[in-house]
Amino acid sequence: MSKIIKIIIAIAVFSIAMAFVEAAVVIYLRALYYPSGFSVSPADLKIFPDNVLKIEFWREIATIIMLADVAYLAFARRRGKLLGFLWAFSIWDLFYYLFLFLIIRWPESISTLDVYFLVPRPLIGPVWLPLVIFSITAVMSCALLIKIKIKNN
């Protein structure tokens, strides 16, 4: 197995593990703050105390840093680092939704609304959008990483 394939797999394994951790956190938060069910609206987000929202904000920043860091460590050149981050982020996001569905059967459909991020402000939309974007991003970033590595050898 080539070195680039090993790196791509290692980043994917890290990202999948991170996705499980993120899904677990969201499941816990929903159980604590929305025991009767969760719907996406600005009013629903106000249920969180300010200190919890601040923690969530920094948890999201920490997640991005961890995904960026693994790509930074895996590749020497800037383009590889960027593509590695896109690969890591894509795999993380796709598996995040997969774990939510497998564990709590959410989302009910791909048109279900979700809060994508709280950083820099709540970003809300249908689940299908990140699934499409990050499926394409995963395929493209992986293909480009393989192409770059073959070209550089």
N, C-alpha and C. Protein backbone atom coordinates (compact mmCIF):
# COMPACT_ATOMS: atom_id res chain seq x y z
N MET A 1 0.85 -1.17 0.00
CA MET A 1 0.00 0.00 0.00
C MET A 1 0.90 1.24 0.00
N SER A 2 0.56 2.20 -0.85
CA SER A 2 1.39 3.40 -0.95
C SER A 2 1.26 4.27 0.29
N LYS A 3 2.25 5.13 0.49
CA LYS A 3 2.27 6.01 1.66
C LYS A 3 1.07 6.95 1.67
N ILE A 4 0.70 7.50 0.50
CA ILE A 4 -0.43 8.44 0.45
C ILE A 4 -1.73 7.75 0.83
N ILE A 5 -1.92 6.52 0.41
CA ILE A 5 -3.15 5.79 0.78
C ILE A 5 -3.18 5.55 2.29
N LYS A 6 -2.04 5.22 2.87
CA LYS A 6 -1.97 5.04 4.33
C LYS A 6 -2.32 6.34 5.06
N ILE A 7 -1.82 7.46 4.55
CA ILE A 7 -2.12 8.76 5.17
C ILE A 7 -3.60 9.09 5.03
N ILE A 8 -4.16 8.87 3.86
CA ILE A 8 -5.58 9.14 3.62
C ILE A 8 -6.44 8.28 4.56
N ILE A 9 -6.08 7.02 4.72
CA ILE A 9 -6.82 6.13 5.62
C ILE A 9 -6.67 6.58 7.07
N ALA A 10 -5.46 6.94 7.47
CA ALA A 10 -5.23 7.39 8.85
C ALA A 10 -6.04 8.65 9.16
N ILE A 11 -6.06 9.59 8.24
CA ILE A 11 -6.86 10.80 8.45
C ILE A 11 -8.34 10.45 8.52
N ALA A 12 -8.79 9.53 7.68
CA ALA A 12 -10.19 9.11 7.71
C ALA A 12 -10.54 8.46 9.05
N VAL A 13 -9.68 7.60 9.55
CA VAL A 13 -9.93 6.95 10.85
C VAL A 13 -10.04 8.01 11.96
N PHE A 14 -9.11 8.95 11.98
CA PHE A 14 -9.16 10.04 12.96
C PHE A 14 -10.48 10.81 12.83
N SER A 15 -10.85 11.15 11.61
CA SER A 15 -12.05 11.95 11.36
C SER A 15 -13.32 11.20 11.76
N ILE A 16 -13.35 9.90 11.51
CA ILE A 16 -14.51 9.09 11.89
C ILE A 16 -14.62 9.02 13.42
N ALA A 17 -13.50 8.86 14.10
CA ALA A 17 -13.52 8.86 15.57
C ALA A 17 -14.00 10.21 16.10
N MET A 18 -13.52 11.29 15.51
CA MET A 18 -13.97 12.64 15.90
C MET A 18 -15.47 12.81 15.65
N ALA A 19 -15.95 12.26 14.55
CA ALA A 19 -17.38 12.34 14.23
C ALA A 19 -18.21 11.65 15.30
N PHE A 20 -17.74 10.51 15.79
CA PHE A 20 -18.47 9.81 16.84
C PHE A 20 -18.51 10.65 18.12
N VAL A 21 -17.37 11.24 18.48
CA VAL A 21 -17.32 12.09 19.68
C VAL A 21 -18.29 13.26 19.53
N GLU A 22 -18.27 13.92 18.38
CA GLU A 22 -19.17 15.06 18.14
C GLU A 22 -20.64 14.62 18.19
N ALA A 23 -20.95 13.49 17.59
CA ALA A 23 -22.33 13.00 17.62
C ALA A 23 -22.75 12.70 19.06
N ALA A 24 -21.86 12.10 19.83
CA ALA A 24 -22.17 11.80 21.23
C ALA A 24 -22.46 13.08 22.01
N VAL A 25 -21.65 14.11 21.80
CA VAL A 25 -21.87 15.39 22.49
C VAL A 25 -23.24 15.96 22.13
N VAL A 26 -23.58 15.94 20.85
CA VAL A 26 -24.88 16.47 20.42
C VAL A 26 -26.02 15.64 21.01
N ILE A 27 -25.86 14.34 21.05
CA ILE A 27 -26.90 13.48 21.63
C ILE A 27 -27.08 13.81 23.11
N TYR A 28 -25.98 14.00 23.84
CA TYR A 28 -26.07 14.37 25.26
C TYR A 28 -26.74 15.73 25.43
N LEU A 29 -26.34 16.71 24.61
CA LEU A 29 -26.93 18.04 24.72
C LEU A 29 -28.43 18.01 24.44
N ARG A 30 -28.82 17.26 23.44
CA ARG A 30 -30.25 17.17 23.12
C ARG A 30 -31.01 16.49 24.26
N ALA A 31 -30.43 15.45 24.85
CA ALA A 31 -31.08 14.77 25.96
C ALA A 31 -31.23 15.69 27.17
N LEU A 32 -30.21 16.51 27.42
CA LEU A 32 -30.24 17.42 28.57
C LEU A 32 -31.15 18.63 28.38
N TYR A 33 -31.08 19.24 27.19
CA TYR A 33 -31.77 20.50 26.98
C TYR A 33 -33.06 20.39 26.17
N TYR A 34 -33.25 19.30 25.48
CA TYR A 34 -34.45 19.12 24.66
C TYR A 34 -35.04 17.73 24.87
N PRO A 35 -35.40 17.38 26.11
CA PRO A 35 -35.87 16.02 26.37
C PRO A 35 -37.16 15.67 25.63
N SER A 36 -37.95 16.68 25.25
CA SER A 36 -39.19 16.38 24.53
C SER A 36 -39.03 16.51 23.02
N GLY A 37 -37.81 16.72 22.54
CA GLY A 37 -37.56 16.81 21.10
C GLY A 37 -36.91 18.12 20.72
N PHE A 38 -36.24 18.10 19.60
CA PHE A 38 -35.47 19.25 19.14
C PHE A 38 -36.02 19.72 17.81
N SER A 39 -36.25 21.02 17.71
CA SER A 39 -36.56 21.63 16.41
C SER A 39 -35.64 22.82 16.24
N VAL A 40 -35.30 23.10 15.02
CA VAL A 40 -34.33 24.16 14.76
C VAL A 40 -35.06 25.49 14.61
N SER A 41 -34.77 26.37 15.55
CA SER A 41 -35.26 27.74 15.47
C SER A 41 -34.40 28.58 16.40
N PRO A 42 -34.32 29.88 16.14
CA PRO A 42 -33.54 30.74 17.05
C PRO A 42 -34.01 30.63 18.50
N ALA A 43 -35.33 30.46 18.70
CA ALA A 43 -35.85 30.33 20.07
C ALA A 43 -35.31 29.07 20.74
N ASP A 44 -35.18 27.98 19.99
CA ASP A 44 -34.64 26.74 20.55
C ASP A 44 -33.21 26.91 21.01
N LEU A 45 -32.43 27.69 20.29
CA LEU A 45 -31.03 27.88 20.66
C LEU A 45 -30.89 28.70 21.94
N LYS A 46 -31.91 29.48 22.27
CA LYS A 46 -31.85 30.30 23.48
C LYS A 46 -32.05 29.48 24.75
N ILE A 47 -32.40 28.22 24.61
CA ILE A 47 -32.56 27.34 25.77
C ILE A 47 -31.21 27.15 26.47
N PHE A 48 -30.13 27.14 25.70
CA PHE A 48 -28.80 26.95 26.28
C PHE A 48 -28.43 28.15 27.14
N PRO A 49 -27.93 27.91 28.34
CA PRO A 49 -27.38 29.02 29.13
C PRO A 49 -26.17 29.61 28.40
N ASP A 50 -25.88 30.87 28.66
CA ASP A 50 -24.77 31.55 27.98
C ASP A 50 -23.44 30.81 28.16
N ASN A 51 -23.19 30.29 29.36
CA ASN A 51 -21.92 29.59 29.57
C ASN A 51 -21.82 28.32 28.73
N VAL A 52 -22.94 27.64 28.50
CA VAL A 52 -22.93 26.44 27.65
C VAL A 52 -22.73 26.83 26.19
N LEU A 53 -23.35 27.91 25.75
CA LEU A 53 -23.14 28.38 24.37
C LEU A 53 -21.68 28.76 24.13
N LYS A 54 -21.05 29.37 25.13
CA LYS A 54 -19.62 29.70 25.01
C LYS A 54 -18.78 28.44 24.89
N ILE A 55 -19.12 27.43 25.68
CA ILE A 55 -18.40 26.15 25.60
C ILE A 55 -18.60 25.52 24.23
N GLU A 56 -19.82 25.56 23.74
CA GLU A 56 -20.11 25.01 22.41
C GLU A 56 -19.32 25.74 21.33
N PHE A 57 -19.27 27.04 21.42
CA PHE A 57 -18.50 27.85 20.48
C PHE A 57 -17.05 27.37 20.46
N TRP A 58 -16.44 27.24 21.63
CA TRP A 58 -15.04 26.84 21.71
C TRP A 58 -14.84 25.37 21.37
N ARG A 59 -15.84 24.54 21.62
CA ARG A 59 -15.75 23.13 21.21
C ARG A 59 -15.69 23.05 19.68
N GLU A 60 -16.50 23.86 19.00
CA GLU A 60 -16.47 23.87 17.54
C GLU A 60 -15.12 24.37 17.03
N ILE A 61 -14.58 25.40 17.64
CA ILE A 61 -13.25 25.89 17.25
C ILE A 61 -12.21 24.79 17.45
N ALA A 62 -12.28 24.10 18.59
CA ALA A 62 -11.32 23.02 18.89
C ALA A 62 -11.42 21.89 17.87
N THR A 63 -12.63 21.57 17.44
CA THR A 63 -12.81 20.53 16.43
C THR A 63 -12.13 20.91 15.13
N ILE A 64 -12.33 22.14 14.69
CA ILE A 64 -11.69 22.62 13.45
C ILE A 64 -10.17 22.58 13.60
N ILE A 65 -9.67 23.01 14.75
CA ILE A 65 -8.22 22.98 14.98
C ILE A 65 -7.69 21.55 14.91
N MET A 66 -8.39 20.60 15.52
CA MET A 66 -7.92 19.21 15.48
C MET A 66 -7.92 18.65 14.07
N LEU A 67 -8.97 18.94 13.30
CA LEU A 67 -9.03 18.46 11.91
C LEU A 67 -7.94 19.12 11.06
N ALA A 68 -7.70 20.40 11.29
CA ALA A 68 -6.63 21.09 10.55
C ALA A 68 -5.26 20.57 10.97
N ASP A 69 -5.09 20.30 12.26
CA ASP A 69 -3.80 19.86 12.77
C ASP A 69 -3.39 18.51 12.21
N VAL A 70 -4.32 17.60 12.10
CA VAL A 70 -3.97 16.28 11.57
C VAL A 70 -3.52 16.40 10.11
N ALA A 71 -4.15 17.28 9.35
CA ALA A 71 -3.73 17.51 7.97
C ALA A 71 -2.38 18.23 7.93
N TYR A 72 -2.18 19.16 8.82
CA TYR A 72 -0.92 19.89 8.90
C TYR A 72 0.25 18.93 9.17
N LEU A 73 0.04 18.00 10.07
CA LEU A 73 1.09 17.04 10.42
C LEU A 73 1.33 16.00 9.32
N ALA A 74 0.30 15.72 8.53
CA ALA A 74 0.38 14.65 7.54
C ALA A 74 1.08 15.07 6.25
N PHE A 75 1.06 16.36 5.93
CA PHE A 75 1.58 16.82 4.64
C PHE A 75 2.60 17.93 4.81
N ALA A 76 3.58 17.95 3.92
CA ALA A 76 4.66 18.95 3.99
C ALA A 76 4.28 20.25 3.29
N ARG A 77 3.58 20.15 2.17
CA ARG A 77 3.29 21.34 1.36
C ARG A 77 1.90 21.90 1.67
N ARG A 78 1.77 23.20 1.42
CA ARG A 78 0.52 23.90 1.72
C ARG A 78 -0.69 23.28 1.02
N ARG A 79 -0.53 22.91 -0.24
CA ARG A 79 -1.65 22.33 -0.98
C ARG A 79 -2.09 21.00 -0.36
N GLY A 80 -1.14 20.18 0.04
CA GLY A 80 -1.46 18.93 0.70
C GLY A 80 -2.17 19.16 2.02
N LYS A 81 -1.71 20.15 2.77
CA LYS A 81 -2.32 20.49 4.05
C LYS A 81 -3.78 20.91 3.85
N LEU A 82 -4.02 21.75 2.84
CA LEU A 82 -5.38 22.21 2.56
C LEU A 82 -6.27 21.04 2.13
N LEU A 83 -5.79 20.24 1.18
CA LEU A 83 -6.57 19.09 0.72
C LEU A 83 -6.78 18.08 1.84
N GLY A 84 -5.76 17.89 2.67
CA GLY A 84 -5.90 16.99 3.81
C GLY A 84 -6.95 17.47 4.79
N PHE A 85 -6.99 18.80 5.02
CA PHE A 85 -8.03 19.36 5.89
C PHE A 85 -9.41 19.16 5.28
N LEU A 86 -9.55 19.42 3.98
CA LEU A 86 -10.85 19.23 3.33
C LEU A 86 -11.29 17.77 3.40
N TRP A 87 -10.34 16.85 3.21
CA TRP A 87 -10.63 15.42 3.34
C TRP A 87 -11.10 15.10 4.76
N ALA A 88 -10.34 15.56 5.76
CA ALA A 88 -10.68 15.29 7.16
C ALA A 88 -12.04 15.88 7.52
N PHE A 89 -12.27 17.12 7.14
CA PHE A 89 -13.52 17.79 7.47
C PHE A 89 -14.70 17.09 6.81
N SER A 90 -14.53 16.69 5.56
CA SER A 90 -15.61 16.02 4.83
C SER A 90 -15.99 14.69 5.47
N ILE A 91 -14.98 13.89 5.76
CA ILE A 91 -15.23 12.58 6.37
C ILE A 91 -15.87 12.77 7.74
N TRP A 92 -15.35 13.72 8.51
CA TRP A 92 -15.90 14.01 9.84
C TRP A 92 -17.38 14.36 9.74
N ASP A 93 -17.75 15.27 8.84
CA ASP A 93 -19.13 15.73 8.75
C ASP A 93 -20.06 14.62 8.26
N LEU A 94 -19.65 13.87 7.25
CA LEU A 94 -20.48 12.79 6.74
C LEU A 94 -20.73 11.72 7.80
N PHE A 95 -19.70 11.35 8.53
CA PHE A 95 -19.86 10.33 9.56
C PHE A 95 -20.60 10.87 10.79
N TYR A 96 -20.49 12.15 11.05
CA TYR A 96 -21.27 12.77 12.13
C TYR A 96 -22.76 12.52 11.89
N TYR A 97 -23.23 12.81 10.70
CA TYR A 97 -24.64 12.58 10.39
C TYR A 97 -24.98 11.10 10.38
N LEU A 98 -24.07 10.27 9.89
CA LEU A 98 -24.32 8.83 9.91
C LEU A 98 -24.48 8.33 11.34
N PHE A 99 -23.59 8.73 12.24
CA PHE A 99 -23.69 8.30 13.64
C PHE A 99 -24.97 8.80 14.30
N LEU A 100 -25.35 10.05 14.04
CA LEU A 100 -26.61 10.54 14.59
C LEU A 100 -27.79 9.69 14.12
N PHE A 101 -27.76 9.34 12.85
CA PHE A 101 -28.86 8.53 12.32
C PHE A 101 -28.85 7.12 12.92
N LEU A 102 -27.68 6.51 12.99
CA LEU A 102 -27.60 5.15 13.52
C LEU A 102 -27.97 5.07 15.00
N ILE A 103 -27.61 6.09 15.77
CA ILE A 103 -27.82 6.05 17.22
C ILE A 103 -29.21 6.54 17.62
N ILE A 104 -29.65 7.68 17.07
CA ILE A 104 -30.95 8.24 17.50
C ILE A 104 -31.96 8.38 16.35
N ARG A 105 -31.62 7.82 15.20
CA ARG A 105 -32.51 7.89 14.03
C ARG A 105 -32.86 9.32 13.65
N TRP A 106 -31.86 10.20 13.77
CA TRP A 106 -32.02 11.58 13.36
C TRP A 106 -30.94 11.90 12.35
N PRO A 107 -31.21 12.55 11.30
CA PRO A 107 -32.44 13.25 10.93
C PRO A 107 -33.50 12.28 10.39
N GLU A 108 -34.73 12.71 10.52
CA GLU A 108 -35.84 11.89 10.01
C GLU A 108 -35.82 11.83 8.49
N SER A 109 -35.36 12.90 7.86
CA SER A 109 -35.21 12.94 6.41
C SER A 109 -34.07 13.88 6.06
N ILE A 110 -33.65 13.85 4.81
CA ILE A 110 -32.55 14.74 4.42
C ILE A 110 -32.99 16.20 4.30
N SER A 111 -34.30 16.44 4.34
CA SER A 111 -34.78 17.82 4.31
C SER A 111 -34.94 18.41 5.72
N THR A 112 -34.68 17.60 6.75
CA THR A 112 -34.74 18.09 8.13
C THR A 112 -33.74 19.23 8.33
N LEU A 113 -34.17 20.27 9.04
CA LEU A 113 -33.27 21.40 9.31
C LEU A 113 -32.31 21.05 10.44
N ASP A 114 -31.10 21.60 10.33
CA ASP A 114 -30.09 21.38 11.35
C ASP A 114 -29.32 22.67 11.57
N VAL A 115 -28.71 22.78 12.74
CA VAL A 115 -27.78 23.87 13.03
C VAL A 115 -26.41 23.34 12.64
N TYR A 116 -25.85 23.84 11.53
CA TYR A 116 -24.56 23.35 11.06
C TYR A 116 -23.43 23.75 12.01
N PHE A 117 -23.40 25.02 12.35
CA PHE A 117 -22.36 25.56 13.22
C PHE A 117 -22.93 26.70 14.03
N LEU A 118 -22.30 26.94 15.16
CA LEU A 118 -22.60 28.14 15.95
C LEU A 118 -21.58 29.23 15.68
N VAL A 119 -20.49 28.87 14.98
CA VAL A 119 -19.39 29.79 14.71
C VAL A 119 -19.50 30.32 13.28
N PRO A 120 -19.48 31.58 13.01
CA PRO A 120 -19.41 32.71 13.93
C PRO A 120 -20.79 33.06 14.50
N ARG A 121 -21.84 32.53 13.86
CA ARG A 121 -23.21 32.67 14.37
C ARG A 121 -23.96 31.42 13.92
N PRO A 122 -25.14 31.15 14.48
CA PRO A 122 -25.84 29.93 14.07
C PRO A 122 -26.10 29.90 12.55
N LEU A 123 -25.68 28.81 11.95
CA LEU A 123 -25.88 28.58 10.52
C LEU A 123 -26.83 27.39 10.40
N ILE A 124 -28.01 27.63 9.82
CA ILE A 124 -29.08 26.64 9.80
C ILE A 124 -29.46 26.32 8.36
N GLY A 125 -29.76 25.05 8.09
CA GLY A 125 -30.21 24.65 6.77
C GLY A 125 -30.58 23.18 6.76
N PRO A 126 -30.99 22.68 5.60
CA PRO A 126 -31.39 21.28 5.49
C PRO A 126 -30.17 20.34 5.52
N VAL A 127 -30.37 19.16 6.04
CA VAL A 127 -29.29 18.19 6.17
C VAL A 127 -28.71 17.79 4.81
N TRP A 128 -29.52 17.77 3.77
CA TRP A 128 -29.02 17.33 2.47
C TRP A 128 -27.88 18.21 1.96
N LEU A 129 -27.87 19.49 2.33
CA LEU A 129 -26.84 20.40 1.81
C LEU A 129 -25.43 19.99 2.21
N PRO A 130 -25.13 19.81 3.50
CA PRO A 130 -23.77 19.36 3.83
C PRO A 130 -23.47 17.96 3.32
N LEU A 131 -24.49 17.11 3.23
CA LEU A 131 -24.24 15.76 2.70
C LEU A 131 -23.77 15.83 1.25
N VAL A 132 -24.40 16.66 0.45
CA VAL A 132 -24.00 16.81 -0.95
C VAL A 132 -22.62 17.48 -1.05
N ILE A 133 -22.48 18.61 -0.35
CA ILE A 133 -21.22 19.37 -0.43
C ILE A 133 -20.04 18.51 0.01
N PHE A 134 -20.18 17.83 1.14
CA PHE A 134 -19.03 17.11 1.67
C PHE A 134 -18.82 15.74 1.02
N SER A 135 -19.83 15.20 0.37
CA SER A 135 -19.60 14.01 -0.45
C SER A 135 -18.72 14.38 -1.64
N ILE A 136 -19.06 15.48 -2.30
CA ILE A 136 -18.26 15.96 -3.43
C ILE A 136 -16.86 16.35 -2.96
N THR A 137 -16.78 17.07 -1.85
CA THR A 137 -15.48 17.51 -1.33
C THR A 137 -14.61 16.33 -0.96
N ALA A 138 -15.19 15.29 -0.36
CA ALA A 138 -14.42 14.10 0.01
C ALA A 138 -13.82 13.43 -1.22
N VAL A 139 -14.63 13.23 -2.23
CA VAL A 139 -14.16 12.57 -3.45
C VAL A 139 -13.07 13.41 -4.12
N MET A 140 -13.33 14.71 -4.26
CA MET A 140 -12.37 15.58 -4.94
C MET A 140 -11.05 15.71 -4.17
N SER A 141 -11.13 15.92 -2.86
CA SER A 141 -9.90 16.10 -2.09
C SER A 141 -9.08 14.82 -2.06
N CYS A 142 -9.74 13.68 -1.94
CA CYS A 142 -9.02 12.40 -1.95
C CYS A 142 -8.35 12.17 -3.31
N ALA A 143 -9.09 12.40 -4.38
CA ALA A 143 -8.55 12.22 -5.72
C ALA A 143 -7.36 13.15 -5.97
N LEU A 144 -7.48 14.40 -5.54
CA LEU A 144 -6.39 15.35 -5.74
C LEU A 144 -5.18 15.01 -4.89
N LEU A 145 -5.39 14.53 -3.68
CA LEU A 145 -4.26 14.10 -2.85
C LEU A 145 -3.48 12.97 -3.52
N ILE A 146 -4.21 12.02 -4.07
CA ILE A 146 -3.55 10.90 -4.76
C ILE A 146 -2.83 11.40 -6.00
N LYS A 147 -3.48 12.28 -6.76
CA LYS A 147 -2.88 12.82 -7.98
C LYS A 147 -1.60 13.61 -7.68
N ILE A 148 -1.67 14.48 -6.67
CA ILE A 148 -0.51 15.30 -6.30
C ILE A 148 0.65 14.39 -5.89
N LYS A 149 0.37 13.38 -5.09
CA LYS A 149 1.43 12.51 -4.59
C LYS A 149 2.06 11.72 -5.72
N ILE A 150 1.24 11.26 -6.65
CA ILE A 150 1.78 10.51 -7.80
C ILE A 150 2.63 11.44 -8.66
N LYS A 151 2.14 12.66 -8.88
CA LYS A 151 2.84 13.63 -9.71
C LYS A 151 4.17 14.05 -9.07
N ASN A 152 4.21 14.16 -7.73
CA ASN A 152 5.40 14.60 -7.03
C ASN A 152 6.45 13.49 -6.91
N ASN A 153 6.10 12.26 -7.18
CA ASN A 153 7.07 11.15 -7.07
C ASN A 153 7.78 10.89 -8.37
